Protein backbone atom coordinates (compact mmCIF):
# COMPACT_ATOMS: atom_id res chain seq x y z
CA UNK A 1 0.00 0.00 0.00
CA UNK A 2 2.88 2.40 0.78
CA UNK A 3 4.33 1.87 -2.72
CA UNK A 4 0.97 2.65 -4.28
CA UNK A 5 0.58 5.84 -2.21
CA UNK A 6 4.11 6.92 -3.15
CA UNK A 7 3.40 6.30 -6.84
CA UNK A 8 0.17 8.27 -6.66
CA UNK A 9 1.71 11.07 -4.58
CA UNK A 10 3.97 12.08 -7.48
CA UNK A 11 0.79 13.34 -9.17
CA UNK A 12 0.32 15.95 -6.43
CA UNK A 13 2.87 18.14 -8.24
CA UNK A 14 0.89 18.43 -11.46
CA UNK A 15 3.23 21.01 -13.01
CA UNK A 16 6.14 18.60 -12.76
CA UNK A 17 4.06 15.73 -14.16
CA UNK A 18 2.80 17.83 -17.08
CA UNK A 19 6.29 19.12 -17.88
CA UNK A 20 7.61 15.55 -17.96
CA UNK A 21 4.78 14.47 -20.27
CA UNK A 22 5.42 17.44 -22.55
CA UNK A 23 9.17 16.75 -22.65
CA UNK A 24 8.48 13.07 -23.39
CA UNK A 25 6.34 14.19 -26.33
CA UNK A 26 8.86 16.71 -27.68
CA UNK A 27 9.34 14.86 -31.00
CA UNK A 28 5.59 14.89 -31.67
CA UNK A 29 5.25 18.57 -30.70
CA UNK A 30 8.15 19.60 -32.94
CA UNK A 31 6.73 17.49 -35.79
CA UNK A 32 3.41 19.32 -35.45
CA UNK A 33 5.15 22.68 -35.84
CA UNK A 34 7.30 21.48 -38.76
CA UNK A 35 4.26 20.04 -40.53
CA UNK A 36 2.35 23.30 -40.08
CA UNK A 37 5.10 25.11 -41.96
CA UNK A 38 6.00 22.50 -44.58
CA UNK A 39 2.62 20.96 -45.35
CA UNK A 40 0.25 23.85 -44.68
CA UNK A 41 2.43 26.93 -45.17
CA UNK A 42 1.60 28.31 -41.72
CA UNK A 43 4.31 30.74 -40.70
CA UNK A 44 2.08 32.73 -38.32
CA UNK A 45 0.33 30.56 -35.74
CA UNK A 46 -1.82 33.54 -34.72
CA UNK A 47 -3.13 33.86 -38.28
CA UNK A 48 -2.92 30.37 -39.83
CA UNK A 49 -5.06 31.27 -42.83
CA UNK A 50 -2.51 33.84 -44.06
CA UNK A 51 -0.43 31.63 -46.35
CA UNK A 52 2.52 33.63 -47.65
CA UNK A 53 4.20 33.23 -51.01
CA UNK A 54 7.80 33.75 -52.01
CA UNK A 55 8.84 36.89 -53.84
CA UNK A 56 9.67 36.13 -57.50
CA UNK A 57 13.41 36.59 -56.91
CA UNK A 58 13.36 34.28 -53.87
CA UNK A 59 11.32 31.77 -55.83
CA UNK A 60 13.95 31.60 -58.58
CA UNK A 61 16.77 31.38 -56.06
CA UNK A 62 15.05 28.65 -54.05
CA UNK A 63 14.46 26.55 -57.16
CA UNK A 64 18.16 26.81 -58.03
CA UNK A 65 19.96 26.73 -54.68
CA UNK A 66 17.73 25.40 -51.92
CA UNK A 67 18.00 21.85 -50.68
CA UNK A 68 14.22 21.75 -50.17
CA UNK A 69 12.68 23.15 -53.31
CA UNK A 70 9.01 23.38 -52.39
CA UNK A 71 7.78 26.79 -53.55
CA UNK A 72 3.96 26.71 -53.51
CA UNK A 73 4.09 28.54 -50.14
CA UNK A 74 6.71 29.73 -47.68
CA UNK A 75 8.00 26.75 -45.70
CA UNK A 76 10.96 28.29 -43.82
CA UNK A 77 12.88 25.28 -45.01
CA UNK A 78 15.73 26.14 -47.33
CA UNK A 79 18.65 24.00 -46.14
CA UNK A 80 16.67 22.26 -43.39
CA UNK A 81 18.86 23.63 -40.59
CA UNK A 82 16.13 25.85 -39.10
CA UNK A 83 13.71 22.90 -38.93
CA UNK A 84 16.39 20.52 -37.62
CA UNK A 85 17.32 23.01 -34.89
CA UNK A 86 13.81 23.12 -33.44
CA UNK A 87 13.43 22.05 -29.83
CA UNK A 88 11.39 22.77 -26.71
CA UNK A 89 12.51 25.33 -24.19
CA UNK A 90 10.95 24.20 -20.91
CA UNK A 91 9.96 26.75 -18.30
CA UNK A 92 8.23 26.10 -14.96
CA UNK A 93 4.71 26.84 -16.20
CA UNK A 94 5.04 26.65 -20.00
CA UNK A 95 7.15 25.62 -22.94
CA UNK A 96 8.28 27.48 -26.01
CA UNK A 97 9.36 26.09 -29.37
CA UNK A 98 12.69 27.56 -30.45
CA UNK A 99 15.27 26.87 -33.12
CA UNK A 100 18.97 26.84 -32.40
CA UNK A 101 19.69 27.36 -36.12
CA UNK A 102 18.41 30.73 -37.29
CA UNK A 103 19.36 31.67 -40.87
CA UNK A 104 20.27 35.24 -39.89
CA UNK A 105 20.15 37.65 -36.96
CA UNK A 106 16.63 38.99 -36.47
CA UNK A 107 15.03 36.13 -38.44
CA UNK A 108 12.32 35.63 -35.83
CA UNK A 109 11.48 39.33 -35.76
CA UNK A 110 8.88 40.71 -38.09
CA UNK A 111 6.97 38.46 -40.43
CA UNK A 112 8.28 35.13 -39.08
CA UNK A 113 8.05 36.03 -35.39
CA UNK A 114 5.03 33.76 -34.88
CA UNK A 115 6.19 30.78 -36.94
CA UNK A 116 7.33 28.76 -33.94
CA UNK A 117 4.39 27.53 -31.92
CA UNK A 118 1.26 25.51 -32.47
CA UNK A 119 -1.99 26.46 -34.11
CA UNK A 120 -5.16 26.13 -32.03
CA UNK A 121 -5.91 22.92 -33.90
CA UNK A 122 -2.54 21.42 -32.96
CA UNK A 123 -2.88 22.69 -29.38
CA UNK A 124 -6.11 20.70 -29.14
CA UNK A 125 -4.30 17.60 -30.45
CA UNK A 126 -1.58 18.16 -27.87
CA UNK A 127 -4.18 18.46 -25.08
CA UNK A 128 -5.62 15.09 -26.11
CA UNK A 129 -2.16 13.54 -26.14
CA UNK A 130 -1.31 14.95 -22.71
CA UNK A 131 -4.66 13.87 -21.27
CA UNK A 132 -4.17 10.35 -22.59
CA UNK A 133 -0.63 10.13 -21.19
CA UNK A 134 -1.78 11.55 -17.86
CA UNK A 135 -4.62 9.03 -17.55
CA UNK A 136 -2.40 6.11 -18.55
CA UNK A 137 0.34 7.16 -16.17
CA UNK A 138 -2.04 7.56 -13.23
CA UNK A 139 -3.77 4.29 -14.03
CA UNK A 140 -0.40 2.55 -14.22
CA UNK A 141 0.65 4.06 -10.88
CA UNK A 142 -2.52 2.81 -9.21
CA UNK A 143 -2.63 -0.66 -10.75
CA UNK A 144 1.00 -1.70 -11.03
CA UNK A 145 2.50 -0.81 -7.66
C-alpha atoms as a PDB file:
ATOM      1  CA  UNK A   1       0.000   0.000   0.000  1.00  0.00           C
ATOM      2  CA  UNK A   2       2.879   2.404   0.778  1.00  0.00           C
ATOM      3  CA  UNK A   3       4.332   1.873  -2.715  1.00  0.00           C
ATOM      4  CA  UNK A   4       0.970   2.645  -4.276  1.00  0.00           C
ATOM      5  CA  UNK A   5       0.580   5.842  -2.209  1.00  0.00           C
ATOM      6  CA  UNK A   6       4.113   6.924  -3.146  1.00  0.00           C
ATOM      7  CA  UNK A   7       3.402   6.302  -6.841  1.00  0.00           C
ATOM      8  CA  UNK A   8       0.167   8.269  -6.657  1.00  0.00           C
ATOM      9  CA  UNK A   9       1.712  11.074  -4.584  1.00  0.00           C
ATOM     10  CA  UNK A  10       3.967  12.084  -7.483  1.00  0.00           C
ATOM     11  CA  UNK A  11       0.790  13.342  -9.166  1.00  0.00           C
ATOM     12  CA  UNK A  12       0.325  15.947  -6.427  1.00  0.00           C
ATOM     13  CA  UNK A  13       2.873  18.140  -8.243  1.00  0.00           C
ATOM     14  CA  UNK A  14       0.886  18.431 -11.464  1.00  0.00           C
ATOM     15  CA  UNK A  15       3.228  21.010 -13.008  1.00  0.00           C
ATOM     16  CA  UNK A  16       6.143  18.604 -12.760  1.00  0.00           C
ATOM     17  CA  UNK A  17       4.065  15.734 -14.157  1.00  0.00           C
ATOM     18  CA  UNK A  18       2.804  17.827 -17.079  1.00  0.00           C
ATOM     19  CA  UNK A  19       6.287  19.118 -17.878  1.00  0.00           C
ATOM     20  CA  UNK A  20       7.612  15.547 -17.958  1.00  0.00           C
ATOM     21  CA  UNK A  21       4.784  14.469 -20.271  1.00  0.00           C
ATOM     22  CA  UNK A  22       5.420  17.441 -22.553  1.00  0.00           C
ATOM     23  CA  UNK A  23       9.169  16.753 -22.647  1.00  0.00           C
ATOM     24  CA  UNK A  24       8.479  13.070 -23.389  1.00  0.00           C
ATOM     25  CA  UNK A  25       6.345  14.187 -26.334  1.00  0.00           C
ATOM     26  CA  UNK A  26       8.857  16.711 -27.676  1.00  0.00           C
ATOM     27  CA  UNK A  27       9.345  14.856 -31.003  1.00  0.00           C
ATOM     28  CA  UNK A  28       5.588  14.888 -31.672  1.00  0.00           C
ATOM     29  CA  UNK A  29       5.252  18.567 -30.700  1.00  0.00           C
ATOM     30  CA  UNK A  30       8.146  19.603 -32.939  1.00  0.00           C
ATOM     31  CA  UNK A  31       6.730  17.488 -35.788  1.00  0.00           C
ATOM     32  CA  UNK A  32       3.407  19.319 -35.452  1.00  0.00           C
ATOM     33  CA  UNK A  33       5.151  22.679 -35.844  1.00  0.00           C
ATOM     34  CA  UNK A  34       7.301  21.477 -38.756  1.00  0.00           C
ATOM     35  CA  UNK A  35       4.263  20.036 -40.533  1.00  0.00           C
ATOM     36  CA  UNK A  36       2.353  23.297 -40.081  1.00  0.00           C
ATOM     37  CA  UNK A  37       5.098  25.113 -41.963  1.00  0.00           C
ATOM     38  CA  UNK A  38       5.996  22.504 -44.576  1.00  0.00           C
ATOM     39  CA  UNK A  39       2.616  20.957 -45.355  1.00  0.00           C
ATOM     40  CA  UNK A  40       0.254  23.850 -44.680  1.00  0.00           C
ATOM     41  CA  UNK A  41       2.433  26.933 -45.165  1.00  0.00           C
ATOM     42  CA  UNK A  42       1.603  28.311 -41.722  1.00  0.00           C
ATOM     43  CA  UNK A  43       4.310  30.740 -40.699  1.00  0.00           C
ATOM     44  CA  UNK A  44       2.085  32.726 -38.321  1.00  0.00           C
ATOM     45  CA  UNK A  45       0.328  30.559 -35.735  1.00  0.00           C
ATOM     46  CA  UNK A  46      -1.820  33.544 -34.725  1.00  0.00           C
ATOM     47  CA  UNK A  47      -3.128  33.858 -38.285  1.00  0.00           C
ATOM     48  CA  UNK A  48      -2.915  30.366 -39.833  1.00  0.00           C
ATOM     49  CA  UNK A  49      -5.059  31.267 -42.829  1.00  0.00           C
ATOM     50  CA  UNK A  50      -2.505  33.838 -44.055  1.00  0.00           C
ATOM     51  CA  UNK A  51      -0.429  31.630 -46.351  1.00  0.00           C
ATOM     52  CA  UNK A  52       2.519  33.630 -47.654  1.00  0.00           C
ATOM     53  CA  UNK A  53       4.204  33.226 -51.015  1.00  0.00           C
ATOM     54  CA  UNK A  54       7.802  33.753 -52.013  1.00  0.00           C
ATOM     55  CA  UNK A  55       8.840  36.888 -53.840  1.00  0.00           C
ATOM     56  CA  UNK A  56       9.669  36.135 -57.497  1.00  0.00           C
ATOM     57  CA  UNK A  57      13.410  36.588 -56.914  1.00  0.00           C
ATOM     58  CA  UNK A  58      13.364  34.282 -53.867  1.00  0.00           C
ATOM     59  CA  UNK A  59      11.320  31.766 -55.827  1.00  0.00           C
ATOM     60  CA  UNK A  60      13.952  31.597 -58.576  1.00  0.00           C
ATOM     61  CA  UNK A  61      16.771  31.383 -56.062  1.00  0.00           C
ATOM     62  CA  UNK A  62      15.047  28.655 -54.052  1.00  0.00           C
ATOM     63  CA  UNK A  63      14.456  26.550 -57.165  1.00  0.00           C
ATOM     64  CA  UNK A  64      18.158  26.810 -58.031  1.00  0.00           C
ATOM     65  CA  UNK A  65      19.961  26.729 -54.684  1.00  0.00           C
ATOM     66  CA  UNK A  66      17.734  25.396 -51.923  1.00  0.00           C
ATOM     67  CA  UNK A  67      17.999  21.853 -50.678  1.00  0.00           C
ATOM     68  CA  UNK A  68      14.221  21.749 -50.167  1.00  0.00           C
ATOM     69  CA  UNK A  69      12.683  23.153 -53.314  1.00  0.00           C
ATOM     70  CA  UNK A  70       9.011  23.375 -52.391  1.00  0.00           C
ATOM     71  CA  UNK A  71       7.776  26.789 -53.551  1.00  0.00           C
ATOM     72  CA  UNK A  72       3.961  26.710 -53.507  1.00  0.00           C
ATOM     73  CA  UNK A  73       4.090  28.542 -50.140  1.00  0.00           C
ATOM     74  CA  UNK A  74       6.711  29.735 -47.675  1.00  0.00           C
ATOM     75  CA  UNK A  75       8.003  26.747 -45.696  1.00  0.00           C
ATOM     76  CA  UNK A  76      10.956  28.289 -43.817  1.00  0.00           C
ATOM     77  CA  UNK A  77      12.883  25.276 -45.011  1.00  0.00           C
ATOM     78  CA  UNK A  78      15.735  26.142 -47.333  1.00  0.00           C
ATOM     79  CA  UNK A  79      18.647  24.004 -46.137  1.00  0.00           C
ATOM     80  CA  UNK A  80      16.675  22.263 -43.390  1.00  0.00           C
ATOM     81  CA  UNK A  81      18.859  23.630 -40.585  1.00  0.00           C
ATOM     82  CA  UNK A  82      16.133  25.846 -39.096  1.00  0.00           C
ATOM     83  CA  UNK A  83      13.710  22.904 -38.931  1.00  0.00           C
ATOM     84  CA  UNK A  84      16.386  20.516 -37.622  1.00  0.00           C
ATOM     85  CA  UNK A  85      17.320  23.012 -34.892  1.00  0.00           C
ATOM     86  CA  UNK A  86      13.809  23.118 -33.445  1.00  0.00           C
ATOM     87  CA  UNK A  87      13.426  22.055 -29.826  1.00  0.00           C
ATOM     88  CA  UNK A  88      11.389  22.769 -26.711  1.00  0.00           C
ATOM     89  CA  UNK A  89      12.514  25.327 -24.185  1.00  0.00           C
ATOM     90  CA  UNK A  90      10.954  24.202 -20.905  1.00  0.00           C
ATOM     91  CA  UNK A  91       9.961  26.749 -18.296  1.00  0.00           C
ATOM     92  CA  UNK A  92       8.233  26.097 -14.956  1.00  0.00           C
ATOM     93  CA  UNK A  93       4.707  26.837 -16.203  1.00  0.00           C
ATOM     94  CA  UNK A  94       5.041  26.649 -20.003  1.00  0.00           C
ATOM     95  CA  UNK A  95       7.148  25.623 -22.940  1.00  0.00           C
ATOM     96  CA  UNK A  96       8.277  27.476 -26.015  1.00  0.00           C
ATOM     97  CA  UNK A  97       9.360  26.088 -29.370  1.00  0.00           C
ATOM     98  CA  UNK A  98      12.687  27.562 -30.448  1.00  0.00           C
ATOM     99  CA  UNK A  99      15.267  26.870 -33.115  1.00  0.00           C
ATOM    100  CA  UNK A 100      18.971  26.835 -32.404  1.00  0.00           C
ATOM    101  CA  UNK A 101      19.689  27.364 -36.118  1.00  0.00           C
ATOM    102  CA  UNK A 102      18.406  30.726 -37.295  1.00  0.00           C
ATOM    103  CA  UNK A 103      19.361  31.667 -40.870  1.00  0.00           C
ATOM    104  CA  UNK A 104      20.271  35.242 -39.893  1.00  0.00           C
ATOM    105  CA  UNK A 105      20.146  37.647 -36.958  1.00  0.00           C
ATOM    106  CA  UNK A 106      16.629  38.987 -36.465  1.00  0.00           C
ATOM    107  CA  UNK A 107      15.027  36.127 -38.442  1.00  0.00           C
ATOM    108  CA  UNK A 108      12.317  35.626 -35.832  1.00  0.00           C
ATOM    109  CA  UNK A 109      11.485  39.326 -35.758  1.00  0.00           C
ATOM    110  CA  UNK A 110       8.881  40.714 -38.091  1.00  0.00           C
ATOM    111  CA  UNK A 111       6.965  38.461 -40.434  1.00  0.00           C
ATOM    112  CA  UNK A 112       8.279  35.129 -39.081  1.00  0.00           C
ATOM    113  CA  UNK A 113       8.052  36.034 -35.392  1.00  0.00           C
ATOM    114  CA  UNK A 114       5.033  33.758 -34.877  1.00  0.00           C
ATOM    115  CA  UNK A 115       6.195  30.780 -36.940  1.00  0.00           C
ATOM    116  CA  UNK A 116       7.334  28.762 -33.940  1.00  0.00           C
ATOM    117  CA  UNK A 117       4.394  27.534 -31.917  1.00  0.00           C
ATOM    118  CA  UNK A 118       1.261  25.515 -32.467  1.00  0.00           C
ATOM    119  CA  UNK A 119      -1.992  26.462 -34.111  1.00  0.00           C
ATOM    120  CA  UNK A 120      -5.157  26.131 -32.034  1.00  0.00           C
ATOM    121  CA  UNK A 121      -5.912  22.915 -33.897  1.00  0.00           C
ATOM    122  CA  UNK A 122      -2.541  21.415 -32.957  1.00  0.00           C
ATOM    123  CA  UNK A 123      -2.883  22.687 -29.379  1.00  0.00           C
ATOM    124  CA  UNK A 124      -6.108  20.698 -29.138  1.00  0.00           C
ATOM    125  CA  UNK A 125      -4.304  17.595 -30.450  1.00  0.00           C
ATOM    126  CA  UNK A 126      -1.581  18.161 -27.872  1.00  0.00           C
ATOM    127  CA  UNK A 127      -4.177  18.461 -25.085  1.00  0.00           C
ATOM    128  CA  UNK A 128      -5.624  15.095 -26.112  1.00  0.00           C
ATOM    129  CA  UNK A 129      -2.159  13.536 -26.145  1.00  0.00           C
ATOM    130  CA  UNK A 130      -1.309  14.945 -22.708  1.00  0.00           C
ATOM    131  CA  UNK A 131      -4.661  13.869 -21.275  1.00  0.00           C
ATOM    132  CA  UNK A 132      -4.171  10.349 -22.592  1.00  0.00           C
ATOM    133  CA  UNK A 133      -0.626  10.131 -21.193  1.00  0.00           C
ATOM    134  CA  UNK A 134      -1.781  11.546 -17.863  1.00  0.00           C
ATOM    135  CA  UNK A 135      -4.619   9.030 -17.548  1.00  0.00           C
ATOM    136  CA  UNK A 136      -2.403   6.109 -18.553  1.00  0.00           C
ATOM    137  CA  UNK A 137       0.343   7.161 -16.165  1.00  0.00           C
ATOM    138  CA  UNK A 138      -2.038   7.559 -13.231  1.00  0.00           C
ATOM    139  CA  UNK A 139      -3.774   4.286 -14.028  1.00  0.00           C
ATOM    140  CA  UNK A 140      -0.400   2.548 -14.218  1.00  0.00           C
ATOM    141  CA  UNK A 141       0.647   4.062 -10.881  1.00  0.00           C
ATOM    142  CA  UNK A 142      -2.522   2.814  -9.208  1.00  0.00           C
ATOM    143  CA  UNK A 143      -2.628  -0.660 -10.752  1.00  0.00           C
ATOM    144  CA  UNK A 144       1.004  -1.703 -11.032  1.00  0.00           C
ATOM    145  CA  UNK A 145       2.496  -0.814  -7.663  1.00  0.00           C
END
